[in-house]
Amino acid sequence: LTARPMSIQGVSDLTYTALYSAAELEKSGRVARWAPIRRCCGLFSNPAKGAVWATTTDHLVVKFEESGTMTVLAGLSGVGGYVNGASEKAQFRFLRLCGLVEDLTGGLIIVDSGNHCLRYLNSAATRVTTYAGDARRPGFKDGPLDWARFNTPSSTVLSPHGELFISD
C-alpha cells in the first residue's frame, strides 16, 4: 500500500489518500476502506516509526511510514466496539476527539473516547489491553489506573519524565 499527503493545514486537517490495488489489499490480509482515510483523530509522529493516528469512521489505529507504506496496527475496519486482545481483533469506539502517545517502552497509549478509557497497544503492535478506566462505568474519578474513571476523554500527553496527562 502507498499513501501520499493531499493537504496539511494544521494537524486536525491532515488528510492522506491511500492508493491501493485489490491484489495488495488481499495480500495484506487487512480489509479496510482506505480511500480516503477520513476523520482522523489523535496524531502521533516518531521519525523512526512514522505517523500514527486513529480514524473515527473506521475505528482503526493506522501507521504511515515515510516510504508511503500504510499499516493497520489495531482494530477492525468499520466496527466500533470494545474488545481487548489480538490487535487485528481489537475494537475501539473513537469519537471526534482522541489521542495517542508513545510510552517509554515504545507501546502506544490510546484515548478510546467512546469507551471512556485508555487502551494500550504493546510495542510489538500485537496486543490491545485496557490501560486505565472502565468502558462499562464512565465517570470522573482520580486514582490508580484500575480505579480511574473517564467520561469521553479527549487527548493525552506524556511528559519527558514519564508522567501521563489526560484531558477529560
N, C-alpha and C. Protein backbone atom coordinates (compact mmCIF):
# COMPACT_ATOMS: atom_id res chain seq x y z
N LEU A 1 0.84 -1.18 0.00
CA LEU A 1 0.00 0.00 0.00
C LEU A 1 0.87 1.23 0.00
N THR A 2 0.43 2.26 -0.67
CA THR A 2 1.16 3.51 -0.64
C THR A 2 0.20 4.63 -0.30
N ALA A 3 0.73 5.69 0.25
CA ALA A 3 -0.10 6.83 0.60
C ALA A 3 0.66 8.09 0.24
N ARG A 4 -0.07 9.13 -0.08
CA ARG A 4 0.59 10.40 -0.34
C ARG A 4 -0.20 11.51 0.33
N PRO A 5 0.52 12.49 0.89
CA PRO A 5 -0.19 13.58 1.56
C PRO A 5 -0.95 14.42 0.54
N MET A 6 -2.20 14.73 0.84
CA MET A 6 -3.01 15.54 -0.05
C MET A 6 -3.09 16.99 0.44
N SER A 7 -3.18 17.19 1.74
CA SER A 7 -3.22 18.55 2.27
C SER A 7 -2.79 18.53 3.72
N ILE A 8 -2.07 19.54 4.12
CA ILE A 8 -1.69 19.70 5.51
C ILE A 8 -1.97 21.15 5.89
N GLN A 9 -3.02 21.35 6.68
CA GLN A 9 -3.40 22.68 7.14
C GLN A 9 -3.55 22.63 8.65
N GLY A 10 -2.50 22.24 9.34
CA GLY A 10 -2.60 22.01 10.77
C GLY A 10 -2.90 20.55 11.00
N VAL A 11 -2.61 20.07 12.16
CA VAL A 11 -2.75 18.65 12.48
C VAL A 11 -4.17 18.16 12.28
N SER A 12 -5.18 18.96 12.66
CA SER A 12 -6.56 18.48 12.59
C SER A 12 -7.04 18.31 11.15
N ASP A 13 -6.39 18.93 10.17
CA ASP A 13 -6.81 18.80 8.79
C ASP A 13 -5.90 17.89 7.97
N LEU A 14 -5.05 17.13 8.65
CA LEU A 14 -4.14 16.24 7.93
C LEU A 14 -4.95 15.14 7.26
N THR A 15 -4.82 15.03 5.96
CA THR A 15 -5.57 14.05 5.19
C THR A 15 -4.62 13.27 4.31
N TYR A 16 -4.76 11.99 4.31
CA TYR A 16 -3.98 11.13 3.41
C TYR A 16 -4.96 10.37 2.54
N THR A 17 -4.61 10.21 1.30
CA THR A 17 -5.37 9.34 0.42
C THR A 17 -4.51 8.12 0.15
N ALA A 18 -5.05 6.98 0.38
CA ALA A 18 -4.30 5.74 0.16
C ALA A 18 -4.59 5.22 -1.24
N LEU A 19 -3.55 4.86 -1.93
CA LEU A 19 -3.68 4.28 -3.26
C LEU A 19 -3.39 2.79 -3.14
N TYR A 20 -4.27 1.96 -3.66
CA TYR A 20 -4.08 0.54 -3.50
C TYR A 20 -4.66 -0.22 -4.68
N SER A 21 -4.29 -1.47 -4.78
CA SER A 21 -4.90 -2.36 -5.76
C SER A 21 -5.60 -3.47 -4.99
N ALA A 22 -6.55 -4.12 -5.61
CA ALA A 22 -7.26 -5.22 -4.96
C ALA A 22 -6.28 -6.31 -4.54
N ALA A 23 -5.27 -6.56 -5.36
CA ALA A 23 -4.28 -7.59 -5.03
C ALA A 23 -3.50 -7.22 -3.77
N GLU A 24 -3.15 -5.93 -3.63
CA GLU A 24 -2.43 -5.51 -2.44
C GLU A 24 -3.28 -5.67 -1.19
N LEU A 25 -4.57 -5.32 -1.26
CA LEU A 25 -5.46 -5.48 -0.10
C LEU A 25 -5.59 -6.95 0.27
N GLU A 26 -5.80 -7.81 -0.73
CA GLU A 26 -5.96 -9.23 -0.47
C GLU A 26 -4.67 -9.81 0.12
N LYS A 27 -3.54 -9.42 -0.42
CA LYS A 27 -2.25 -9.91 0.05
C LYS A 27 -1.97 -9.47 1.48
N SER A 28 -2.39 -8.26 1.84
CA SER A 28 -2.12 -7.74 3.18
C SER A 28 -2.92 -8.46 4.26
N GLY A 29 -4.07 -9.02 3.88
CA GLY A 29 -4.90 -9.71 4.87
C GLY A 29 -5.66 -8.77 5.78
N ARG A 30 -5.55 -7.48 5.57
CA ARG A 30 -6.25 -6.49 6.39
C ARG A 30 -7.25 -5.76 5.51
N VAL A 31 -8.52 -6.07 5.64
CA VAL A 31 -9.55 -5.45 4.82
C VAL A 31 -9.96 -4.14 5.48
N ALA A 32 -9.93 -3.06 4.71
CA ALA A 32 -10.30 -1.76 5.25
C ALA A 32 -10.74 -0.85 4.11
N ARG A 33 -11.60 0.11 4.41
CA ARG A 33 -11.97 1.14 3.44
C ARG A 33 -10.91 2.23 3.57
N TRP A 34 -10.00 2.30 2.63
CA TRP A 34 -8.85 3.19 2.78
C TRP A 34 -8.75 4.28 1.75
N ALA A 35 -9.79 4.63 1.08
CA ALA A 35 -9.66 5.67 0.06
C ALA A 35 -10.81 6.66 0.19
N PRO A 36 -10.64 7.78 0.80
CA PRO A 36 -9.52 8.20 1.63
C PRO A 36 -9.73 7.82 3.08
N ILE A 37 -8.67 7.93 3.88
CA ILE A 37 -8.80 7.78 5.33
C ILE A 37 -9.48 9.06 5.81
N ARG A 38 -10.64 8.94 6.37
CA ARG A 38 -11.42 10.12 6.76
C ARG A 38 -11.47 10.27 8.27
N ARG A 39 -11.69 11.47 8.67
CA ARG A 39 -11.92 11.80 10.08
C ARG A 39 -10.87 11.21 11.00
N CYS A 40 -9.68 11.67 10.82
CA CYS A 40 -8.57 11.22 11.65
C CYS A 40 -8.57 11.98 12.98
N CYS A 41 -8.17 11.32 14.01
CA CYS A 41 -8.01 11.97 15.31
C CYS A 41 -6.77 11.40 15.96
N GLY A 42 -6.21 12.12 16.86
CA GLY A 42 -5.08 11.63 17.61
C GLY A 42 -3.86 11.31 16.77
N LEU A 43 -3.09 12.29 16.43
CA LEU A 43 -1.90 12.08 15.62
C LEU A 43 -0.67 11.97 16.52
N PHE A 44 0.16 10.98 16.23
CA PHE A 44 1.44 10.82 16.92
C PHE A 44 2.49 10.58 15.85
N SER A 45 3.61 11.25 15.96
CA SER A 45 4.65 11.08 14.96
C SER A 45 5.99 10.81 15.63
N ASN A 46 6.69 9.83 15.10
CA ASN A 46 8.02 9.47 15.57
C ASN A 46 8.86 9.23 14.32
N PRO A 47 9.98 9.96 14.17
CA PRO A 47 10.77 9.81 12.95
C PRO A 47 11.15 8.36 12.63
N ALA A 48 11.37 7.55 13.66
CA ALA A 48 11.75 6.16 13.44
C ALA A 48 10.56 5.28 13.05
N LYS A 49 9.36 5.67 13.50
CA LYS A 49 8.18 4.83 13.27
C LYS A 49 7.21 5.39 12.24
N GLY A 50 7.28 6.66 11.93
CA GLY A 50 6.32 7.27 11.02
C GLY A 50 5.19 7.93 11.79
N ALA A 51 4.12 8.25 11.09
CA ALA A 51 2.96 8.90 11.69
C ALA A 51 1.91 7.85 12.03
N VAL A 52 1.35 7.94 13.22
CA VAL A 52 0.32 7.01 13.67
C VAL A 52 -0.90 7.82 14.07
N TRP A 53 -2.08 7.38 13.64
CA TRP A 53 -3.29 8.04 14.11
C TRP A 53 -4.46 7.09 14.12
N ALA A 54 -5.54 7.55 14.73
CA ALA A 54 -6.78 6.78 14.80
C ALA A 54 -7.78 7.39 13.82
N THR A 55 -8.68 6.56 13.32
CA THR A 55 -9.72 7.03 12.39
C THR A 55 -11.08 6.86 13.05
N THR A 56 -11.87 7.93 13.04
CA THR A 56 -13.17 7.87 13.71
C THR A 56 -14.23 7.17 12.88
N THR A 57 -14.07 7.10 11.57
CA THR A 57 -15.07 6.42 10.75
C THR A 57 -14.83 4.92 10.69
N ASP A 58 -13.56 4.50 10.77
CA ASP A 58 -13.24 3.08 10.67
C ASP A 58 -12.80 2.46 11.99
N HIS A 59 -12.57 3.29 13.02
CA HIS A 59 -12.17 2.79 14.35
C HIS A 59 -10.89 1.96 14.27
N LEU A 60 -9.90 2.49 13.53
CA LEU A 60 -8.62 1.82 13.34
C LEU A 60 -7.49 2.67 13.91
N VAL A 61 -6.39 2.03 14.25
CA VAL A 61 -5.13 2.70 14.53
C VAL A 61 -4.22 2.34 13.36
N VAL A 62 -3.81 3.37 12.60
CA VAL A 62 -3.02 3.13 11.39
C VAL A 62 -1.68 3.85 11.47
N LYS A 63 -0.72 3.33 10.72
CA LYS A 63 0.62 3.91 10.69
C LYS A 63 1.00 4.18 9.24
N PHE A 64 1.53 5.39 8.99
CA PHE A 64 2.09 5.73 7.70
C PHE A 64 3.58 5.94 7.88
N GLU A 65 4.37 5.24 7.09
CA GLU A 65 5.81 5.41 7.12
C GLU A 65 6.23 6.40 6.04
N GLU A 66 7.42 6.95 6.18
CA GLU A 66 7.91 7.93 5.22
C GLU A 66 7.92 7.39 3.80
N SER A 67 8.10 6.08 3.67
CA SER A 67 8.11 5.45 2.34
C SER A 67 6.74 5.46 1.69
N GLY A 68 5.69 5.77 2.46
CA GLY A 68 4.33 5.76 1.95
C GLY A 68 3.57 4.51 2.30
N THR A 69 4.20 3.57 2.96
CA THR A 69 3.55 2.33 3.36
C THR A 69 2.56 2.60 4.49
N MET A 70 1.36 2.07 4.36
CA MET A 70 0.34 2.20 5.39
C MET A 70 0.08 0.83 6.00
N THR A 71 0.02 0.78 7.34
CA THR A 71 -0.22 -0.47 8.05
C THR A 71 -1.30 -0.25 9.09
N VAL A 72 -2.26 -1.16 9.16
CA VAL A 72 -3.24 -1.14 10.25
C VAL A 72 -2.57 -1.79 11.45
N LEU A 73 -2.41 -1.03 12.53
CA LEU A 73 -1.79 -1.57 13.74
C LEU A 73 -2.80 -2.30 14.61
N ALA A 74 -4.03 -1.78 14.66
CA ALA A 74 -5.05 -2.40 15.51
C ALA A 74 -6.43 -1.97 15.06
N GLY A 75 -7.40 -2.84 15.30
CA GLY A 75 -8.79 -2.53 15.03
C GLY A 75 -9.37 -3.34 13.88
N LEU A 76 -10.71 -3.35 13.83
CA LEU A 76 -11.46 -3.97 12.75
C LEU A 76 -12.12 -2.85 11.96
N SER A 77 -11.92 -2.80 10.68
CA SER A 77 -12.43 -1.70 9.86
C SER A 77 -13.94 -1.55 9.96
N GLY A 78 -14.36 -0.34 10.35
CA GLY A 78 -15.77 -0.01 10.39
C GLY A 78 -16.54 -0.61 11.55
N VAL A 79 -15.87 -1.32 12.44
CA VAL A 79 -16.54 -1.98 13.57
C VAL A 79 -16.16 -1.26 14.86
N GLY A 80 -17.08 -0.47 15.39
CA GLY A 80 -16.85 0.20 16.66
C GLY A 80 -17.31 -0.69 17.79
N GLY A 81 -16.51 -0.81 18.82
CA GLY A 81 -16.87 -1.66 19.95
C GLY A 81 -15.80 -1.62 21.01
N TYR A 82 -15.84 -2.60 21.89
CA TYR A 82 -14.86 -2.67 22.97
C TYR A 82 -14.40 -4.11 23.11
N VAL A 83 -13.26 -4.43 22.49
CA VAL A 83 -12.69 -5.76 22.58
C VAL A 83 -11.19 -5.62 22.77
N ASN A 84 -10.66 -6.24 23.80
CA ASN A 84 -9.22 -6.33 24.01
C ASN A 84 -8.72 -7.64 23.41
N GLY A 85 -7.40 -7.75 23.22
CA GLY A 85 -6.82 -8.99 22.73
C GLY A 85 -5.91 -8.74 21.55
N ALA A 86 -5.88 -9.71 20.66
CA ALA A 86 -5.02 -9.60 19.47
C ALA A 86 -5.35 -8.32 18.72
N SER A 87 -4.32 -7.61 18.27
CA SER A 87 -4.53 -6.29 17.67
C SER A 87 -5.48 -6.32 16.47
N GLU A 88 -5.44 -7.38 15.67
CA GLU A 88 -6.30 -7.44 14.50
C GLU A 88 -7.76 -7.72 14.85
N LYS A 89 -8.04 -8.12 16.09
CA LYS A 89 -9.42 -8.37 16.52
C LYS A 89 -9.91 -7.34 17.52
N ALA A 90 -9.03 -6.45 17.96
CA ALA A 90 -9.41 -5.43 18.94
C ALA A 90 -10.43 -4.48 18.32
N GLN A 91 -11.30 -3.93 19.18
CA GLN A 91 -12.28 -2.95 18.73
C GLN A 91 -12.18 -1.70 19.59
N PHE A 92 -12.34 -0.56 18.92
CA PHE A 92 -12.31 0.76 19.56
C PHE A 92 -13.59 1.50 19.19
N ARG A 93 -13.90 2.56 19.93
CA ARG A 93 -15.01 3.44 19.58
C ARG A 93 -14.50 4.87 19.67
N PHE A 94 -13.84 5.31 18.58
CA PHE A 94 -13.29 6.65 18.55
C PHE A 94 -14.37 7.65 18.19
N LEU A 95 -14.49 8.70 18.99
CA LEU A 95 -15.41 9.79 18.68
C LEU A 95 -14.61 10.91 18.01
N ARG A 96 -15.11 12.12 18.03
CA ARG A 96 -14.43 13.23 17.34
C ARG A 96 -13.04 13.50 17.87
N LEU A 97 -12.83 13.34 19.14
CA LEU A 97 -11.53 13.61 19.74
C LEU A 97 -10.96 12.33 20.31
N CYS A 98 -9.69 12.12 20.09
CA CYS A 98 -8.98 11.01 20.70
C CYS A 98 -7.50 11.34 20.66
N GLY A 99 -6.71 10.61 21.38
CA GLY A 99 -5.29 10.92 21.43
C GLY A 99 -4.45 9.67 21.43
N LEU A 100 -3.22 9.83 21.02
CA LEU A 100 -2.25 8.75 21.01
C LEU A 100 -0.94 9.29 21.54
N VAL A 101 -0.24 8.49 22.32
CA VAL A 101 1.09 8.88 22.76
C VAL A 101 1.91 7.62 22.94
N GLU A 102 3.19 7.71 22.58
CA GLU A 102 4.09 6.58 22.76
C GLU A 102 4.68 6.63 24.16
N ASP A 103 4.66 5.50 24.86
CA ASP A 103 5.25 5.47 26.20
C ASP A 103 6.75 5.20 26.10
N LEU A 104 7.41 5.11 27.22
CA LEU A 104 8.86 4.97 27.24
C LEU A 104 9.35 3.61 26.75
N THR A 105 8.45 2.63 26.63
CA THR A 105 8.84 1.30 26.13
C THR A 105 8.52 1.11 24.65
N GLY A 106 7.90 2.10 24.02
CA GLY A 106 7.55 2.00 22.61
C GLY A 106 6.13 1.57 22.35
N GLY A 107 5.35 1.31 23.40
CA GLY A 107 3.94 0.99 23.24
C GLY A 107 3.14 2.26 23.05
N LEU A 108 1.89 2.12 22.60
CA LEU A 108 1.03 3.28 22.40
C LEU A 108 -0.09 3.31 23.43
N ILE A 109 -0.27 4.45 24.06
CA ILE A 109 -1.42 4.69 24.92
C ILE A 109 -2.43 5.42 24.05
N ILE A 110 -3.63 4.86 23.95
CA ILE A 110 -4.65 5.32 23.02
C ILE A 110 -5.87 5.78 23.80
N VAL A 111 -6.31 7.02 23.55
CA VAL A 111 -7.53 7.53 24.18
C VAL A 111 -8.72 6.98 23.38
N ASP A 112 -9.47 6.09 23.99
CA ASP A 112 -10.65 5.49 23.36
C ASP A 112 -11.87 6.24 23.89
N SER A 113 -12.14 7.38 23.28
CA SER A 113 -13.13 8.32 23.81
C SER A 113 -14.53 7.73 23.93
N GLY A 114 -14.97 6.95 22.97
CA GLY A 114 -16.31 6.38 23.01
C GLY A 114 -16.47 5.29 24.04
N ASN A 115 -15.37 4.71 24.50
CA ASN A 115 -15.41 3.68 25.54
C ASN A 115 -14.95 4.21 26.89
N HIS A 116 -14.73 5.53 26.99
CA HIS A 116 -14.41 6.19 28.26
C HIS A 116 -13.19 5.60 28.96
N CYS A 117 -12.18 5.23 28.17
CA CYS A 117 -11.00 4.64 28.80
C CYS A 117 -9.75 4.87 27.95
N LEU A 118 -8.62 4.48 28.50
CA LEU A 118 -7.36 4.48 27.77
C LEU A 118 -7.03 3.04 27.45
N ARG A 119 -6.56 2.81 26.24
CA ARG A 119 -6.18 1.47 25.81
C ARG A 119 -4.69 1.46 25.57
N TYR A 120 -4.10 0.28 25.54
CA TYR A 120 -2.66 0.16 25.36
C TYR A 120 -2.36 -0.85 24.26
N LEU A 121 -1.57 -0.43 23.28
CA LEU A 121 -1.10 -1.32 22.22
C LEU A 121 0.37 -1.56 22.49
N ASN A 122 0.74 -2.82 22.73
CA ASN A 122 2.13 -3.13 23.09
C ASN A 122 3.09 -2.73 21.98
N SER A 123 4.38 -2.67 22.29
CA SER A 123 5.37 -2.16 21.34
C SER A 123 5.50 -3.04 20.10
N ALA A 124 5.14 -4.30 20.18
CA ALA A 124 5.17 -5.17 19.00
C ALA A 124 3.91 -5.03 18.15
N ALA A 125 2.95 -4.22 18.62
CA ALA A 125 1.66 -3.99 17.95
C ALA A 125 0.90 -5.30 17.74
N THR A 126 0.94 -6.17 18.74
CA THR A 126 0.25 -7.45 18.63
C THR A 126 -0.92 -7.60 19.60
N ARG A 127 -0.99 -6.75 20.64
CA ARG A 127 -1.98 -6.95 21.69
C ARG A 127 -2.51 -5.62 22.21
N VAL A 128 -3.84 -5.54 22.39
CA VAL A 128 -4.50 -4.36 22.95
C VAL A 128 -5.09 -4.74 24.30
N THR A 129 -4.86 -3.89 25.30
CA THR A 129 -5.42 -4.08 26.64
C THR A 129 -6.01 -2.75 27.11
N THR A 130 -6.79 -2.81 28.18
CA THR A 130 -7.26 -1.57 28.81
C THR A 130 -6.17 -1.08 29.74
N TYR A 131 -5.77 0.17 29.57
CA TYR A 131 -4.70 0.77 30.36
C TYR A 131 -5.26 1.43 31.61
N ALA A 132 -6.35 2.17 31.46
CA ALA A 132 -6.99 2.86 32.59
C ALA A 132 -8.45 3.12 32.26
N GLY A 133 -9.27 3.16 33.29
CA GLY A 133 -10.70 3.41 33.10
C GLY A 133 -11.47 2.12 32.91
N ASP A 134 -12.77 2.27 32.70
CA ASP A 134 -13.66 1.12 32.55
C ASP A 134 -14.75 1.48 31.55
N ALA A 135 -14.80 0.78 30.44
CA ALA A 135 -15.77 1.07 29.39
C ALA A 135 -17.21 0.92 29.87
N ARG A 136 -17.42 0.09 30.88
CA ARG A 136 -18.77 -0.15 31.38
C ARG A 136 -19.22 0.88 32.42
N ARG A 137 -18.24 1.63 32.98
CA ARG A 137 -18.58 2.58 34.04
C ARG A 137 -17.88 3.92 33.83
N PRO A 138 -18.43 4.78 32.94
CA PRO A 138 -17.83 6.10 32.76
C PRO A 138 -18.04 6.95 34.01
N GLY A 139 -17.23 7.96 34.16
CA GLY A 139 -17.38 8.87 35.30
C GLY A 139 -16.18 9.77 35.42
N PHE A 140 -16.06 10.39 36.57
CA PHE A 140 -14.94 11.28 36.86
C PHE A 140 -14.35 10.84 38.18
N LYS A 141 -13.24 10.10 38.14
CA LYS A 141 -12.65 9.59 39.37
C LYS A 141 -11.14 9.50 39.20
N ASP A 142 -10.41 10.26 40.03
CA ASP A 142 -8.96 10.17 40.04
C ASP A 142 -8.54 8.97 40.87
N GLY A 143 -7.38 8.43 40.57
CA GLY A 143 -6.88 7.31 41.36
C GLY A 143 -5.98 6.42 40.55
N PRO A 144 -5.65 5.24 41.10
CA PRO A 144 -4.81 4.29 40.37
C PRO A 144 -5.46 3.93 39.03
N LEU A 145 -4.65 3.42 38.10
CA LEU A 145 -5.12 3.15 36.75
C LEU A 145 -6.38 2.30 36.72
N ASP A 146 -6.46 1.26 37.55
CA ASP A 146 -7.63 0.38 37.51
C ASP A 146 -8.85 0.96 38.23
N TRP A 147 -8.70 2.06 38.95
CA TRP A 147 -9.82 2.72 39.63
C TRP A 147 -10.28 3.96 38.90
N ALA A 148 -9.41 4.57 38.13
CA ALA A 148 -9.73 5.84 37.46
C ALA A 148 -10.94 5.66 36.54
N ARG A 149 -11.74 6.72 36.45
CA ARG A 149 -12.89 6.72 35.55
C ARG A 149 -12.83 7.98 34.70
N PHE A 150 -13.23 7.84 33.44
CA PHE A 150 -13.24 8.95 32.50
C PHE A 150 -14.61 9.04 31.86
N ASN A 151 -14.94 10.24 31.39
CA ASN A 151 -16.19 10.45 30.67
C ASN A 151 -15.83 11.14 29.36
N THR A 152 -15.69 10.37 28.31
CA THR A 152 -15.29 10.83 26.98
C THR A 152 -13.96 11.58 27.02
N PRO A 153 -12.88 10.90 27.41
CA PRO A 153 -11.57 11.55 27.39
C PRO A 153 -11.22 11.96 25.96
N SER A 154 -10.41 13.03 25.85
CA SER A 154 -10.18 13.57 24.50
C SER A 154 -8.73 13.58 24.04
N SER A 155 -7.78 13.65 24.94
CA SER A 155 -6.38 13.67 24.49
C SER A 155 -5.46 13.30 25.63
N THR A 156 -4.21 13.06 25.29
CA THR A 156 -3.22 12.69 26.29
C THR A 156 -1.84 13.17 25.85
N VAL A 157 -0.98 13.38 26.81
CA VAL A 157 0.40 13.76 26.53
C VAL A 157 1.28 13.13 27.61
N LEU A 158 2.48 12.76 27.23
CA LEU A 158 3.44 12.17 28.16
C LEU A 158 4.56 13.17 28.38
N SER A 159 4.85 13.49 29.63
CA SER A 159 5.92 14.44 29.93
C SER A 159 7.27 13.76 29.70
N PRO A 160 8.35 14.56 29.61
CA PRO A 160 9.69 13.97 29.46
C PRO A 160 10.07 13.07 30.64
N HIS A 161 9.38 13.23 31.77
CA HIS A 161 9.65 12.44 32.97
C HIS A 161 8.78 11.19 33.05
N GLY A 162 7.96 10.94 32.04
CA GLY A 162 7.11 9.76 32.03
C GLY A 162 5.76 9.94 32.70
N GLU A 163 5.38 11.17 33.05
CA GLU A 163 4.08 11.43 33.64
C GLU A 163 3.03 11.55 32.54
N LEU A 164 1.91 10.88 32.71
CA LEU A 164 0.84 10.88 31.71
C LEU A 164 -0.24 11.87 32.13
N PHE A 165 -0.60 12.78 31.22
CA PHE A 165 -1.66 13.74 31.46
C PHE A 165 -2.79 13.44 30.49
N ILE A 166 -4.04 13.47 31.00
CA ILE A 166 -5.22 13.13 30.20
C ILE A 166 -6.20 14.28 30.26
N SER A 167 -6.72 14.68 29.13
CA SER A 167 -7.79 15.68 29.07
C SER A 167 -9.12 14.94 29.03
N ASP A 168 -9.96 15.24 30.03
CA ASP A 168 -11.25 14.53 30.15
C ASP A 168 -12.34 15.57 30.34
